[in-house]
Amino acid sequence: MKLTTAGNSVGVVLPKEALDKLRLEKGDRVFLTESPEGFRLTPYDPEFEKQMTLARQIMKKRRDVLHELAK
């Protein structure tokens, strides 16, 4: 990978193979997260995943209420 100037910022140039494997295209958003092994580059928003996990827990706990509301 190569660092390059992008306006007032620095960008990373990813090889086509990495883009294909991540299913990314020009203009897509990626997220840099820190893990015990180092940093990870992912197309998945970790904050959104936290919100979805919480939503799943609530939906499971309140299944009966949601079922009644769906009628």
Protein backbone atom coordinates (compact mmCIF):
# COMPACT_ATOMS: atom_id res chain seq x y z
CA MET A 1 0.00 0.00 0.00
CA LYS A 2 1.06 3.52 -0.62
CA LEU A 3 0.30 6.79 1.16
CA THR A 4 -0.53 9.70 -1.09
CA THR A 5 -1.71 13.29 -0.76
CA ALA A 6 -5.44 13.84 -1.14
CA GLY A 7 -6.16 17.55 -0.79
CA ASN A 8 -5.10 18.54 2.73
CA SER A 9 -5.19 14.92 3.89
CA VAL A 10 -3.24 11.74 3.32
CA GLY A 11 -4.89 8.83 1.50
CA VAL A 12 -4.05 5.15 1.22
CA VAL A 13 -3.92 3.45 -2.17
CA LEU A 14 -5.19 -0.13 -1.91
CA PRO A 15 -4.36 -2.83 -4.44
CA LYS A 16 -7.22 -4.03 -6.66
CA GLU A 17 -7.10 -7.46 -5.02
CA ALA A 18 -7.77 -5.90 -1.59
CA LEU A 19 -10.64 -3.81 -2.99
CA ASP A 20 -12.17 -6.89 -4.59
CA LYS A 21 -11.85 -8.93 -1.41
CA LEU A 22 -13.42 -6.14 0.68
CA ARG A 23 -16.03 -5.55 -2.06
CA LEU A 24 -15.14 -1.87 -2.18
CA GLU A 25 -15.31 0.65 -4.99
CA LYS A 26 -14.11 4.21 -5.35
CA GLY A 27 -16.20 6.46 -3.10
CA ASP A 28 -17.12 3.75 -0.58
CA ARG A 29 -16.56 4.43 3.11
CA VAL A 30 -14.16 2.33 5.17
CA PHE A 31 -13.52 2.32 8.88
CA LEU A 32 -10.23 2.00 10.72
CA THR A 33 -10.59 0.20 14.04
CA GLU A 34 -8.04 -0.80 16.62
CA SER A 35 -7.88 -4.43 17.73
CA PRO A 36 -5.49 -6.42 19.93
CA GLU A 37 -3.65 -7.47 16.74
CA GLY A 38 -3.24 -3.88 15.50
CA PHE A 39 -5.45 -1.82 13.21
CA ARG A 40 -8.19 -3.17 10.94
CA LEU A 41 -9.61 -1.63 7.80
CA THR A 42 -13.21 -2.68 7.26
CA PRO A 43 -16.24 -1.58 5.22
CA TYR A 44 -18.45 -2.20 8.29
CA ASP A 45 -19.25 0.64 10.68
CA PRO A 46 -18.46 -0.64 14.20
CA GLU A 47 -20.77 1.96 15.79
CA PHE A 48 -23.67 0.80 13.61
CA GLU A 49 -22.93 -2.80 14.62
CA LYS A 50 -23.13 -1.83 18.31
CA GLN A 51 -26.50 -0.16 17.68
CA MET A 52 -27.81 -3.20 15.79
CA THR A 53 -26.70 -5.56 18.58
CA LEU A 54 -28.60 -3.44 21.10
CA ALA A 55 -31.65 -3.31 18.80
CA ARG A 56 -31.62 -7.11 18.44
CA GLN A 57 -31.49 -7.52 22.21
CA ILE A 58 -34.44 -5.17 22.68
CA MET A 59 -36.45 -6.84 19.90
CA LYS A 60 -35.84 -10.26 21.46
CA LYS A 61 -36.82 -9.05 24.93
CA ARG A 62 -39.92 -7.19 23.69
CA ARG A 63 -40.97 -9.68 20.99
CA ASP A 64 -44.58 -9.89 22.25
CA VAL A 65 -45.02 -6.11 22.29
CA LEU A 66 -43.58 -5.75 18.79
CA HIS A 67 -45.83 -8.56 17.54
CA GLU A 68 -48.92 -6.76 18.90
CA LEU A 69 -47.81 -3.46 17.36
CA ALA A 70 -47.39 -5.15 13.98
CA LYS A 71 -51.09 -6.11 13.84
